[in-house]
N, C-alpha and C. Protein backbone atom coordinates (compact mmCIF):
# COMPACT_ATOMS: atom_id res chain seq x y z
N MET A 1 122.63 -80.57 59.53
CA MET A 1 122.46 -79.67 58.40
C MET A 1 121.21 -80.06 57.61
N ASN A 2 120.39 -79.07 57.27
CA ASN A 2 119.26 -79.29 56.40
C ASN A 2 119.70 -78.96 54.98
N GLU A 3 119.99 -79.99 54.19
CA GLU A 3 120.56 -79.79 52.85
C GLU A 3 119.64 -78.97 51.96
N ALA A 4 118.34 -79.16 52.11
CA ALA A 4 117.40 -78.41 51.29
C ALA A 4 117.46 -76.92 51.60
N GLN A 5 117.58 -76.58 52.88
CA GLN A 5 117.68 -75.16 53.28
C GLN A 5 118.98 -74.55 52.77
N VAL A 6 120.06 -75.30 52.90
CA VAL A 6 121.35 -74.82 52.42
C VAL A 6 121.29 -74.59 50.91
N ALA A 7 120.73 -75.56 50.17
CA ALA A 7 120.63 -75.42 48.72
C ALA A 7 119.79 -74.22 48.34
N LEU A 8 118.69 -74.01 49.05
CA LEU A 8 117.83 -72.86 48.76
C LEU A 8 118.60 -71.55 48.99
N ASP A 9 119.29 -71.45 50.11
CA ASP A 9 120.01 -70.22 50.43
C ASP A 9 121.13 -69.95 49.42
N VAL A 10 121.85 -71.00 49.04
CA VAL A 10 122.93 -70.81 48.07
C VAL A 10 122.38 -70.43 46.71
N SER A 11 121.24 -71.00 46.34
CA SER A 11 120.63 -70.63 45.05
C SER A 11 120.20 -69.17 45.05
N VAL A 12 119.74 -68.68 46.19
CA VAL A 12 119.39 -67.26 46.31
C VAL A 12 120.65 -66.41 46.09
N ALA A 13 121.76 -66.82 46.68
CA ALA A 13 123.01 -66.08 46.53
C ALA A 13 123.47 -66.07 45.07
N ILE A 14 123.35 -67.22 44.39
CA ILE A 14 123.72 -67.30 42.97
C ILE A 14 122.87 -66.34 42.15
N ASP A 15 121.58 -66.34 42.43
CA ASP A 15 120.64 -65.51 41.68
C ASP A 15 120.88 -64.03 41.94
N GLU A 16 121.09 -63.67 43.21
CA GLU A 16 121.31 -62.27 43.54
C GLU A 16 122.62 -61.76 42.93
N ALA A 17 123.64 -62.60 42.92
CA ALA A 17 124.91 -62.20 42.28
C ALA A 17 124.70 -61.99 40.79
N ALA A 18 123.94 -62.89 40.16
CA ALA A 18 123.68 -62.76 38.73
C ALA A 18 122.89 -61.50 38.41
N ARG A 19 122.01 -61.11 39.32
CA ARG A 19 121.19 -59.91 39.10
C ARG A 19 122.04 -58.65 38.98
N VAL A 20 123.21 -58.67 39.63
CA VAL A 20 124.10 -57.51 39.52
C VAL A 20 125.29 -57.81 38.61
N GLY A 21 125.18 -58.88 37.81
CA GLY A 21 126.18 -59.14 36.78
C GLY A 21 127.40 -59.91 37.22
N ILE A 22 127.29 -60.71 38.27
CA ILE A 22 128.43 -61.48 38.76
C ILE A 22 128.13 -62.97 38.67
N ALA A 23 129.02 -63.72 38.04
CA ALA A 23 128.91 -65.19 37.99
C ALA A 23 130.00 -65.78 38.88
N HIS A 24 129.62 -66.69 39.76
CA HIS A 24 130.59 -67.31 40.68
C HIS A 24 131.57 -68.20 39.91
N ARG A 25 131.06 -69.07 39.05
CA ARG A 25 131.81 -69.91 38.11
C ARG A 25 132.57 -71.09 38.75
N ASP A 26 132.41 -71.31 40.03
CA ASP A 26 133.10 -72.46 40.64
C ASP A 26 132.29 -73.00 41.82
N LEU A 27 131.05 -73.37 41.56
CA LEU A 27 130.23 -73.99 42.60
C LEU A 27 130.75 -75.38 42.87
N SER A 28 131.24 -75.61 44.06
CA SER A 28 131.78 -76.91 44.46
C SER A 28 131.60 -77.04 45.96
N PRO A 29 131.72 -78.25 46.50
CA PRO A 29 131.47 -78.45 47.94
C PRO A 29 132.33 -77.60 48.87
N ILE A 30 133.50 -77.17 48.39
CA ILE A 30 134.36 -76.37 49.28
C ILE A 30 134.06 -74.88 49.18
N ASN A 31 133.12 -74.51 48.29
CA ASN A 31 132.84 -73.08 48.11
C ASN A 31 131.47 -72.65 48.64
N PHE A 32 130.81 -73.54 49.34
CA PHE A 32 129.61 -73.13 50.07
C PHE A 32 129.53 -73.95 51.35
N GLY A 33 128.80 -73.43 52.31
CA GLY A 33 128.70 -74.13 53.59
C GLY A 33 127.45 -73.70 54.32
N HIS A 34 127.44 -73.91 55.62
CA HIS A 34 126.26 -73.53 56.40
C HIS A 34 126.68 -73.00 57.76
N LEU A 35 125.90 -72.08 58.26
CA LEU A 35 126.12 -71.49 59.58
C LEU A 35 124.77 -71.28 60.23
N ASP A 36 124.60 -71.87 61.40
CA ASP A 36 123.32 -71.78 62.12
C ASP A 36 122.15 -72.24 61.24
N GLY A 37 122.41 -73.29 60.45
CA GLY A 37 121.34 -73.89 59.66
C GLY A 37 121.05 -73.21 58.34
N ARG A 38 121.78 -72.15 58.01
CA ARG A 38 121.55 -71.44 56.75
C ARG A 38 122.77 -71.55 55.85
N GLY A 39 122.49 -71.63 54.55
CA GLY A 39 123.56 -71.81 53.58
C GLY A 39 124.28 -70.50 53.27
N THR A 40 125.57 -70.61 52.99
CA THR A 40 126.38 -69.46 52.61
C THR A 40 127.22 -69.81 51.39
N LEU A 41 127.41 -68.86 50.51
CA LEU A 41 128.24 -69.03 49.31
C LEU A 41 129.46 -68.13 49.47
N PHE A 42 130.65 -68.68 49.20
CA PHE A 42 131.85 -67.87 49.36
C PHE A 42 132.88 -68.22 48.30
N ASP A 43 134.02 -67.60 48.36
CA ASP A 43 135.14 -67.76 47.43
C ASP A 43 134.74 -67.42 46.00
N PHE A 44 134.69 -66.15 45.71
CA PHE A 44 134.43 -65.66 44.36
C PHE A 44 135.74 -65.39 43.61
N SER A 45 136.79 -66.12 43.96
CA SER A 45 138.12 -65.83 43.40
C SER A 45 138.19 -66.01 41.90
N VAL A 46 137.36 -66.87 41.32
CA VAL A 46 137.35 -67.01 39.86
C VAL A 46 136.03 -66.48 39.29
N GLY A 47 135.30 -65.71 40.12
CA GLY A 47 134.07 -65.10 39.63
C GLY A 47 134.37 -64.07 38.56
N LYS A 48 133.34 -63.72 37.81
CA LYS A 48 133.53 -62.77 36.72
C LYS A 48 132.39 -61.76 36.70
N VAL A 49 132.76 -60.50 36.50
CA VAL A 49 131.80 -59.41 36.40
C VAL A 49 131.48 -59.20 34.92
N SER A 50 130.22 -59.03 34.60
CA SER A 50 129.83 -58.82 33.20
C SER A 50 130.42 -57.52 32.67
N ALA A 51 130.61 -57.47 31.37
CA ALA A 51 131.16 -56.28 30.74
C ALA A 51 130.26 -55.07 30.98
N THR A 52 128.95 -55.31 30.99
CA THR A 52 128.01 -54.21 31.21
C THR A 52 128.19 -53.61 32.60
N LEU A 53 128.27 -54.47 33.61
CA LEU A 53 128.44 -53.97 34.97
C LEU A 53 129.79 -53.30 35.13
N ALA A 54 130.83 -53.87 34.53
CA ALA A 54 132.17 -53.29 34.64
C ALA A 54 132.19 -51.88 34.05
N THR A 55 131.49 -51.69 32.94
CA THR A 55 131.41 -50.37 32.32
C THR A 55 130.72 -49.37 33.24
N HIS A 56 129.62 -49.81 33.86
CA HIS A 56 128.89 -48.94 34.78
C HIS A 56 129.74 -48.59 36.00
N ILE A 57 130.49 -49.57 36.50
CA ILE A 57 131.35 -49.32 37.66
C ILE A 57 132.40 -48.26 37.32
N TRP A 58 132.99 -48.42 36.14
CA TRP A 58 134.04 -47.49 35.70
C TRP A 58 133.47 -46.07 35.57
N ALA A 59 132.25 -45.98 35.06
CA ALA A 59 131.68 -44.67 34.78
C ALA A 59 130.97 -44.04 35.98
N HIS A 60 130.38 -44.87 36.84
CA HIS A 60 129.49 -44.33 37.86
C HIS A 60 129.81 -44.75 39.30
N GLY A 61 130.74 -45.66 39.49
CA GLY A 61 130.97 -46.18 40.82
C GLY A 61 130.07 -47.37 41.10
N TRP A 62 130.41 -48.12 42.14
CA TRP A 62 129.75 -49.41 42.40
C TRP A 62 128.25 -49.27 42.67
N ARG A 63 127.87 -48.39 43.58
CA ARG A 63 126.47 -48.34 43.99
C ARG A 63 125.54 -47.97 42.83
N LEU A 64 125.88 -46.93 42.10
CA LEU A 64 125.04 -46.53 40.98
C LEU A 64 125.12 -47.56 39.86
N ALA A 65 126.26 -48.19 39.69
CA ALA A 65 126.41 -49.21 38.64
C ALA A 65 125.42 -50.34 38.85
N VAL A 66 125.29 -50.80 40.09
CA VAL A 66 124.35 -51.88 40.39
C VAL A 66 122.92 -51.45 40.08
N GLN A 67 122.60 -50.19 40.36
CA GLN A 67 121.26 -49.69 40.06
C GLN A 67 121.01 -49.62 38.56
N LEU A 68 122.04 -49.29 37.79
CA LEU A 68 121.89 -49.15 36.35
C LEU A 68 121.88 -50.49 35.63
N PHE A 69 122.52 -51.47 36.23
CA PHE A 69 122.62 -52.77 35.57
C PHE A 69 121.24 -53.42 35.48
N THR A 70 120.87 -53.93 34.33
CA THR A 70 119.56 -54.56 34.15
C THR A 70 119.65 -56.06 34.32
N SER A 71 118.56 -56.64 34.81
CA SER A 71 118.54 -58.08 35.05
C SER A 71 118.45 -58.88 33.76
N ASP A 72 118.32 -58.21 32.62
CA ASP A 72 118.27 -58.93 31.34
C ASP A 72 119.62 -59.48 30.95
N ASN A 73 120.69 -58.87 31.43
CA ASN A 73 122.03 -59.32 31.08
C ASN A 73 122.52 -60.26 32.18
N ARG A 74 122.22 -61.55 32.04
CA ARG A 74 122.49 -62.48 33.13
C ARG A 74 123.73 -63.35 32.89
N ASP A 75 124.30 -63.36 31.67
CA ASP A 75 125.49 -64.14 31.39
C ASP A 75 126.71 -63.27 31.61
N ALA A 76 127.64 -63.77 32.45
CA ALA A 76 128.77 -62.94 32.80
C ALA A 76 129.99 -63.18 31.91
N GLU A 77 129.90 -64.03 30.91
CA GLU A 77 131.03 -64.26 30.03
C GLU A 77 130.54 -64.86 28.73
N PRO A 78 131.24 -64.63 27.63
CA PRO A 78 130.86 -65.25 26.36
C PRO A 78 131.29 -66.70 26.33
N SER A 79 130.65 -67.49 25.48
CA SER A 79 131.06 -68.89 25.33
C SER A 79 132.19 -68.98 24.32
N SER A 80 133.03 -69.99 24.46
CA SER A 80 134.12 -70.21 23.52
C SER A 80 134.47 -71.69 23.55
N PRO A 81 134.70 -72.31 22.39
CA PRO A 81 134.99 -73.74 22.34
C PRO A 81 136.30 -74.07 23.05
N PRO A 82 136.28 -74.91 24.07
CA PRO A 82 137.51 -75.25 24.79
C PRO A 82 138.28 -76.33 24.04
N THR A 83 139.59 -76.25 24.08
CA THR A 83 140.43 -77.29 23.48
C THR A 83 141.04 -78.20 24.54
N SER A 84 141.05 -77.74 25.77
CA SER A 84 141.55 -78.57 26.88
C SER A 84 140.83 -78.17 28.15
N MET A 85 140.94 -79.00 29.17
CA MET A 85 140.28 -78.69 30.43
C MET A 85 140.83 -77.40 31.05
N ALA A 86 142.06 -77.07 30.71
CA ALA A 86 142.67 -75.85 31.24
C ALA A 86 141.97 -74.59 30.71
N ASP A 87 141.21 -74.73 29.62
CA ASP A 87 140.49 -73.59 29.06
C ASP A 87 139.22 -73.27 29.84
N LEU A 88 138.80 -74.18 30.70
CA LEU A 88 137.55 -74.01 31.43
C LEU A 88 137.79 -73.44 32.83
N THR A 89 136.82 -72.67 33.30
CA THR A 89 136.91 -72.09 34.64
C THR A 89 136.00 -72.85 35.58
N GLY A 90 136.56 -73.29 36.70
CA GLY A 90 135.78 -74.03 37.67
C GLY A 90 136.42 -75.36 38.00
N THR A 91 135.72 -76.14 38.80
CA THR A 91 136.19 -77.48 39.19
C THR A 91 135.49 -78.50 38.30
N SER A 92 136.26 -79.23 37.50
CA SER A 92 135.69 -80.05 36.43
C SER A 92 134.64 -81.05 36.91
N LEU A 93 134.84 -81.65 38.05
CA LEU A 93 133.90 -82.66 38.53
C LEU A 93 132.50 -82.11 38.74
N TYR A 94 132.41 -80.81 39.01
CA TYR A 94 131.12 -80.21 39.33
C TYR A 94 130.62 -79.27 38.22
N MET A 95 131.31 -79.23 37.10
CA MET A 95 130.88 -78.37 36.00
C MET A 95 129.62 -78.91 35.35
N ALA A 96 128.73 -78.00 34.98
CA ALA A 96 127.53 -78.39 34.26
C ALA A 96 127.92 -78.92 32.88
N GLU A 97 127.06 -79.74 32.33
CA GLU A 97 127.32 -80.35 31.02
C GLU A 97 127.63 -79.29 29.96
N ASN A 98 126.85 -78.21 29.95
CA ASN A 98 127.05 -77.18 28.92
C ASN A 98 128.38 -76.45 29.08
N VAL A 99 128.83 -76.27 30.32
CA VAL A 99 130.11 -75.61 30.54
C VAL A 99 131.24 -76.50 30.04
N LEU A 100 131.13 -77.80 30.28
CA LEU A 100 132.12 -78.74 29.78
C LEU A 100 132.17 -78.71 28.25
N ALA A 101 131.03 -78.41 27.64
CA ALA A 101 130.95 -78.35 26.18
C ALA A 101 131.40 -76.99 25.64
N GLY A 102 131.79 -76.07 26.53
CA GLY A 102 132.33 -74.80 26.10
C GLY A 102 131.38 -73.63 26.13
N GLU A 103 130.18 -73.83 26.68
CA GLU A 103 129.24 -72.72 26.75
C GLU A 103 129.48 -71.88 28.00
N SER A 104 128.84 -70.72 28.05
CA SER A 104 129.11 -69.78 29.14
C SER A 104 128.46 -70.22 30.44
N HIS A 105 128.96 -69.68 31.53
CA HIS A 105 128.36 -69.90 32.84
C HIS A 105 127.10 -69.05 32.94
N THR A 106 125.98 -69.69 33.20
CA THR A 106 124.70 -69.00 33.37
C THR A 106 124.14 -69.35 34.74
N ILE A 107 123.01 -68.78 35.07
CA ILE A 107 122.35 -69.17 36.32
C ILE A 107 122.07 -70.67 36.31
N SER A 108 121.57 -71.17 35.20
CA SER A 108 121.22 -72.59 35.12
C SER A 108 122.43 -73.49 35.30
N THR A 109 123.56 -73.15 34.67
CA THR A 109 124.75 -74.00 34.82
C THR A 109 125.30 -73.93 36.23
N GLN A 110 125.21 -72.77 36.87
CA GLN A 110 125.69 -72.66 38.24
C GLN A 110 124.80 -73.44 39.21
N LEU A 111 123.50 -73.41 38.96
CA LEU A 111 122.59 -74.20 39.78
C LEU A 111 122.83 -75.69 39.57
N GLU A 112 123.14 -76.07 38.34
CA GLU A 112 123.45 -77.47 38.05
C GLU A 112 124.72 -77.90 38.79
N SER A 113 125.70 -77.01 38.85
CA SER A 113 126.91 -77.31 39.62
C SER A 113 126.60 -77.46 41.10
N LEU A 114 125.66 -76.66 41.59
CA LEU A 114 125.22 -76.80 42.98
C LEU A 114 124.60 -78.18 43.19
N PHE A 115 123.76 -78.61 42.27
CA PHE A 115 123.16 -79.94 42.35
C PHE A 115 124.23 -81.02 42.36
N LEU A 116 125.21 -80.93 41.47
CA LEU A 116 126.27 -81.93 41.40
C LEU A 116 127.10 -81.94 42.68
N SER A 117 127.30 -80.77 43.26
CA SER A 117 128.03 -80.68 44.53
C SER A 117 127.25 -81.35 45.65
N LEU A 118 125.95 -81.08 45.70
CA LEU A 118 125.10 -81.71 46.72
C LEU A 118 125.05 -83.22 46.53
N LEU A 119 125.02 -83.64 45.26
CA LEU A 119 125.02 -85.07 44.97
C LEU A 119 126.31 -85.72 45.48
N ASP A 120 127.42 -85.06 45.25
CA ASP A 120 128.71 -85.57 45.70
C ASP A 120 128.75 -85.67 47.23
N ILE A 121 128.22 -84.65 47.90
CA ILE A 121 128.17 -84.65 49.36
C ILE A 121 127.28 -85.77 49.87
N SER A 122 126.13 -85.95 49.21
CA SER A 122 125.14 -86.92 49.67
C SER A 122 125.61 -88.36 49.54
N CYS A 123 126.57 -88.60 48.65
CA CYS A 123 127.08 -89.98 48.49
C CYS A 123 128.50 -90.10 49.02
N SER A 124 128.84 -89.21 49.96
CA SER A 124 130.16 -89.23 50.62
C SER A 124 131.31 -89.14 49.62
N HIS A 125 131.15 -88.27 48.63
CA HIS A 125 132.18 -88.01 47.62
C HIS A 125 132.55 -89.26 46.84
N LYS A 126 131.54 -90.00 46.43
CA LYS A 126 131.77 -91.21 45.63
C LYS A 126 131.05 -91.11 44.28
N LEU A 127 131.15 -89.97 43.64
CA LEU A 127 130.51 -89.81 42.34
C LEU A 127 131.02 -90.88 41.38
N VAL A 128 130.10 -91.59 40.77
CA VAL A 128 130.47 -92.60 39.77
C VAL A 128 129.88 -92.16 38.44
N GLY A 129 130.45 -92.69 37.35
CA GLY A 129 129.98 -92.28 36.04
C GLY A 129 130.54 -90.94 35.60
N HIS A 130 131.37 -90.34 36.44
CA HIS A 130 131.98 -89.05 36.11
C HIS A 130 133.51 -89.18 36.18
N ASN A 131 134.01 -90.40 36.09
CA ASN A 131 135.43 -90.62 36.33
C ASN A 131 136.33 -90.24 35.16
N LEU A 132 135.75 -89.66 34.09
CA LEU A 132 136.58 -89.21 32.98
C LEU A 132 136.97 -87.74 33.15
N LEU A 133 136.56 -87.13 34.25
CA LEU A 133 136.82 -85.71 34.43
C LEU A 133 138.23 -85.47 34.97
N ALA A 134 139.18 -85.65 34.09
CA ALA A 134 140.59 -85.45 34.46
C ALA A 134 141.21 -84.47 33.47
N THR A 135 142.28 -83.83 33.87
CA THR A 135 142.88 -82.80 33.03
C THR A 135 143.39 -83.34 31.70
N ALA A 136 143.71 -84.63 31.64
CA ALA A 136 144.26 -85.20 30.41
C ALA A 136 143.16 -85.53 29.40
N VAL A 137 141.92 -85.44 29.79
CA VAL A 137 140.81 -85.81 28.93
C VAL A 137 140.23 -84.54 28.30
N SER A 138 139.76 -84.65 27.06
CA SER A 138 139.23 -83.47 26.38
C SER A 138 137.91 -83.05 27.01
N PRO A 139 137.59 -81.76 26.95
CA PRO A 139 136.31 -81.28 27.50
C PRO A 139 135.11 -81.97 26.87
N LEU A 140 135.17 -82.22 25.56
CA LEU A 140 134.04 -82.87 24.89
C LEU A 140 133.82 -84.27 25.45
N THR A 141 134.90 -84.99 25.70
CA THR A 141 134.79 -86.33 26.28
C THR A 141 134.15 -86.25 27.67
N CYS A 142 134.55 -85.24 28.42
CA CYS A 142 133.98 -85.04 29.76
C CYS A 142 132.50 -84.71 29.68
N ALA A 143 132.15 -83.86 28.71
CA ALA A 143 130.74 -83.48 28.54
C ALA A 143 129.91 -84.71 28.20
N LEU A 144 130.44 -85.58 27.34
CA LEU A 144 129.71 -86.80 26.97
C LEU A 144 129.59 -87.74 28.16
N ALA A 145 130.64 -87.82 28.99
CA ALA A 145 130.59 -88.66 30.18
C ALA A 145 129.54 -88.15 31.16
N ARG A 146 129.50 -86.84 31.35
CA ARG A 146 128.51 -86.24 32.23
C ARG A 146 127.10 -86.49 31.69
N SER A 147 126.93 -86.30 30.39
CA SER A 147 125.63 -86.50 29.76
C SER A 147 125.14 -87.93 29.94
N GLY A 148 126.04 -88.89 29.71
CA GLY A 148 125.66 -90.30 29.84
C GLY A 148 125.27 -90.66 31.26
N ALA A 149 126.01 -90.14 32.24
CA ALA A 149 125.73 -90.45 33.64
C ALA A 149 124.40 -89.85 34.08
N MET A 150 124.14 -88.61 33.68
CA MET A 150 122.95 -87.92 34.18
C MET A 150 121.68 -88.31 33.44
N ARG A 151 121.82 -88.88 32.25
CA ARG A 151 120.63 -89.29 31.51
C ARG A 151 120.18 -90.72 31.83
N CYS A 152 120.85 -91.35 32.80
CA CYS A 152 120.42 -92.67 33.25
C CYS A 152 119.05 -92.54 33.93
N MET A 153 118.28 -93.62 33.87
CA MET A 153 116.97 -93.62 34.52
C MET A 153 117.11 -93.27 36.00
N HIS A 154 118.09 -93.89 36.65
CA HIS A 154 118.38 -93.59 38.06
C HIS A 154 119.81 -93.11 38.17
N LEU A 155 120.06 -92.25 39.11
CA LEU A 155 121.41 -91.74 39.31
C LEU A 155 122.38 -92.89 39.56
N PRO A 156 123.52 -92.93 38.88
CA PRO A 156 124.50 -93.99 39.12
C PRO A 156 124.92 -94.08 40.58
N GLU A 157 124.83 -92.94 41.29
CA GLU A 157 125.24 -92.88 42.70
C GLU A 157 124.13 -93.28 43.65
N ASN A 158 122.99 -93.69 43.14
CA ASN A 158 121.80 -93.87 43.97
C ASN A 158 122.05 -94.71 45.22
N ASP A 159 122.72 -95.84 45.06
CA ASP A 159 122.93 -96.74 46.20
C ASP A 159 123.88 -96.16 47.24
N ALA A 160 124.72 -95.22 46.81
CA ALA A 160 125.68 -94.62 47.74
C ALA A 160 125.11 -93.41 48.47
N ILE A 161 123.99 -92.88 47.99
CA ILE A 161 123.37 -91.71 48.61
C ILE A 161 122.74 -92.13 49.94
N THR A 162 122.95 -91.34 50.97
CA THR A 162 122.32 -91.65 52.25
C THR A 162 120.81 -91.66 52.07
N SER A 163 120.15 -92.61 52.73
CA SER A 163 118.73 -92.87 52.48
C SER A 163 117.85 -91.64 52.68
N ASP A 164 118.18 -90.80 53.67
CA ASP A 164 117.34 -89.63 53.93
C ASP A 164 117.45 -88.56 52.85
N LEU A 165 118.52 -88.62 52.04
CA LEU A 165 118.71 -87.61 50.99
C LEU A 165 118.31 -88.11 49.60
N ARG A 166 118.00 -89.39 49.46
CA ARG A 166 117.66 -89.91 48.14
C ARG A 166 116.47 -89.21 47.50
N PRO A 167 115.37 -89.00 48.23
CA PRO A 167 114.23 -88.31 47.60
C PRO A 167 114.59 -86.91 47.10
N PHE A 168 115.39 -86.19 47.87
CA PHE A 168 115.80 -84.84 47.48
C PHE A 168 116.66 -84.89 46.22
N MET A 169 117.63 -85.80 46.19
CA MET A 169 118.50 -85.92 45.03
C MET A 169 117.72 -86.35 43.79
N ARG A 170 116.73 -87.22 43.97
CA ARG A 170 115.92 -87.66 42.84
C ARG A 170 115.14 -86.50 42.25
N GLN A 171 114.62 -85.64 43.11
CA GLN A 171 113.85 -84.49 42.62
C GLN A 171 114.75 -83.48 41.91
N LEU A 172 115.95 -83.30 42.41
CA LEU A 172 116.88 -82.40 41.74
C LEU A 172 117.32 -82.99 40.40
N HIS A 173 117.53 -84.30 40.39
CA HIS A 173 117.85 -84.98 39.13
C HIS A 173 116.74 -84.77 38.11
N GLN A 174 115.51 -84.91 38.57
CA GLN A 174 114.35 -84.72 37.69
C GLN A 174 114.25 -83.27 37.21
N LEU A 175 114.68 -82.33 38.02
CA LEU A 175 114.62 -80.93 37.64
C LEU A 175 115.59 -80.64 36.49
N PHE A 176 116.82 -81.13 36.61
CA PHE A 176 117.83 -80.82 35.60
C PHE A 176 117.81 -81.80 34.42
N TYR A 177 117.37 -83.02 34.66
CA TYR A 177 117.29 -84.03 33.60
C TYR A 177 115.94 -84.73 33.67
N PRO A 178 114.87 -84.02 33.27
CA PRO A 178 113.52 -84.57 33.40
C PRO A 178 113.27 -85.77 32.48
N LEU A 179 112.49 -86.72 32.99
CA LEU A 179 112.08 -87.86 32.18
C LEU A 179 111.06 -87.41 31.14
N VAL A 180 111.20 -87.94 29.94
CA VAL A 180 110.21 -87.70 28.90
C VAL A 180 108.99 -88.55 29.24
N ALA A 181 107.83 -87.94 29.26
CA ALA A 181 106.60 -88.63 29.65
C ALA A 181 106.41 -89.92 28.86
N GLY A 182 106.14 -91.00 29.59
CA GLY A 182 105.87 -92.29 28.97
C GLY A 182 107.09 -93.03 28.47
N THR A 183 108.29 -92.53 28.80
CA THR A 183 109.51 -93.19 28.35
C THR A 183 110.48 -93.33 29.53
N ARG A 184 111.63 -93.93 29.25
CA ARG A 184 112.70 -94.03 30.24
C ARG A 184 113.86 -93.13 29.83
N GLN A 185 113.58 -92.15 28.98
CA GLN A 185 114.60 -91.24 28.48
C GLN A 185 114.55 -89.92 29.22
N ARG A 186 115.71 -89.35 29.41
CA ARG A 186 115.81 -88.04 30.06
C ARG A 186 116.35 -87.00 29.10
N LEU A 187 115.86 -85.78 29.24
CA LEU A 187 116.37 -84.64 28.50
C LEU A 187 117.13 -83.73 29.46
N HIS A 188 117.95 -82.87 28.91
CA HIS A 188 118.70 -81.93 29.74
C HIS A 188 117.97 -80.61 29.77
N ASN A 189 117.55 -80.17 30.95
CA ASN A 189 116.90 -78.88 31.11
C ASN A 189 118.00 -77.82 31.26
N GLU A 190 118.18 -77.02 30.23
CA GLU A 190 119.25 -76.04 30.21
C GLU A 190 118.78 -74.65 30.66
N ALA A 191 117.57 -74.57 31.14
CA ALA A 191 117.02 -73.26 31.50
C ALA A 191 116.44 -73.25 32.91
N VAL A 192 117.06 -73.98 33.83
CA VAL A 192 116.60 -73.99 35.22
C VAL A 192 116.87 -72.63 35.84
N GLN A 193 115.87 -72.09 36.49
CA GLN A 193 116.03 -70.81 37.19
C GLN A 193 116.06 -71.04 38.70
N ALA A 194 116.54 -70.05 39.42
CA ALA A 194 116.66 -70.20 40.87
C ALA A 194 115.31 -70.54 41.50
N ALA A 195 114.25 -69.94 41.01
CA ALA A 195 112.91 -70.20 41.57
C ALA A 195 112.51 -71.66 41.40
N ASP A 196 112.95 -72.30 40.32
CA ASP A 196 112.62 -73.71 40.10
C ASP A 196 113.28 -74.59 41.16
N LEU A 197 114.55 -74.34 41.39
CA LEU A 197 115.27 -75.13 42.41
C LEU A 197 114.74 -74.82 43.80
N GLN A 198 114.42 -73.56 44.05
CA GLN A 198 113.91 -73.17 45.36
C GLN A 198 112.56 -73.81 45.65
N TYR A 199 111.75 -74.01 44.62
CA TYR A 199 110.47 -74.67 44.80
C TYR A 199 110.68 -76.10 45.28
N VAL A 200 111.62 -76.81 44.66
CA VAL A 200 111.92 -78.18 45.08
C VAL A 200 112.43 -78.19 46.52
N CYS A 201 113.35 -77.28 46.82
CA CYS A 201 113.91 -77.21 48.17
C CYS A 201 112.82 -76.95 49.20
N GLN A 202 111.91 -76.04 48.89
CA GLN A 202 110.88 -75.67 49.85
C GLN A 202 109.98 -76.84 50.21
N GLN A 203 109.73 -77.72 49.24
CA GLN A 203 108.90 -78.89 49.53
C GLN A 203 109.55 -79.77 50.61
N PHE A 204 110.85 -79.92 50.53
CA PHE A 204 111.56 -80.75 51.50
C PHE A 204 111.76 -80.02 52.83
N ILE A 205 111.91 -78.71 52.79
CA ILE A 205 112.00 -77.94 54.02
C ILE A 205 110.68 -78.04 54.78
N ASN A 206 109.58 -77.89 54.07
CA ASN A 206 108.26 -77.98 54.69
C ASN A 206 108.02 -79.37 55.30
N ALA A 207 108.44 -80.41 54.56
CA ALA A 207 108.28 -81.77 55.05
C ALA A 207 109.10 -82.00 56.30
N SER A 208 110.30 -81.42 56.34
CA SER A 208 111.18 -81.56 57.51
C SER A 208 110.57 -80.88 58.72
N VAL A 209 110.01 -79.70 58.51
CA VAL A 209 109.36 -78.97 59.60
C VAL A 209 108.18 -79.74 60.14
N LEU A 210 107.38 -80.30 59.22
CA LEU A 210 106.20 -81.06 59.62
C LEU A 210 106.61 -82.28 60.43
N THR A 211 107.66 -82.97 60.00
CA THR A 211 108.14 -84.15 60.73
C THR A 211 108.61 -83.76 62.13
N ALA A 212 109.32 -82.64 62.22
CA ALA A 212 109.81 -82.19 63.53
C ALA A 212 108.64 -81.86 64.47
N MET A 213 107.59 -81.28 63.91
CA MET A 213 106.41 -80.92 64.73
C MET A 213 105.71 -82.18 65.22
N GLN A 214 105.66 -83.18 64.38
CA GLN A 214 105.01 -84.43 64.76
C GLN A 214 105.79 -85.16 65.85
N LEU A 215 107.12 -85.03 65.80
CA LEU A 215 107.96 -85.68 66.81
C LEU A 215 107.84 -84.99 68.15
N ASP A 216 107.57 -83.67 68.11
CA ASP A 216 107.39 -82.93 69.36
C ASP A 216 106.05 -83.29 69.97
């Protein structure tokens, strides 16, 4: 499996769904896969259709509704302060920091969940620094645990990540939690777009192709 290709393909699916007003809301390792080297996104069982799209569907039918829906309305649900983990939609271990804090699912949070899922896969499901993500723990505590783990200079899972995937994971980490220039501090990028993640993926896809050509 080419993880970069899979990530790129899944990010395209997330973006295309958002363009027609649908948020998946549960990006996790069991909800995407690969077939013939290409990534696929599935299980929209907890997905949500935006109110705007739902109104168009009711009034005009599905096909015309999609045409009428504008790409400006990209959030498929309002945010609301959670009081328990049961108030949140998705798999807690892979939820973006902002979702754990009670904000809505956006393209950026779904892409962040994709990154966390890939990170979990790359370290053989040994995510560390995220062990507070249990149903008995408050969402705010989970959000703080996620924030602390991801703002580390190096990913806590770094040593557990397979060596061939470390560069890819480091670049994705830098995308969502970029280092402040001249410091060892990281900020949270809350506005990652599909094109941003796809750019990172493409660099590794190109490198993989080049390596394969050299081996031939």
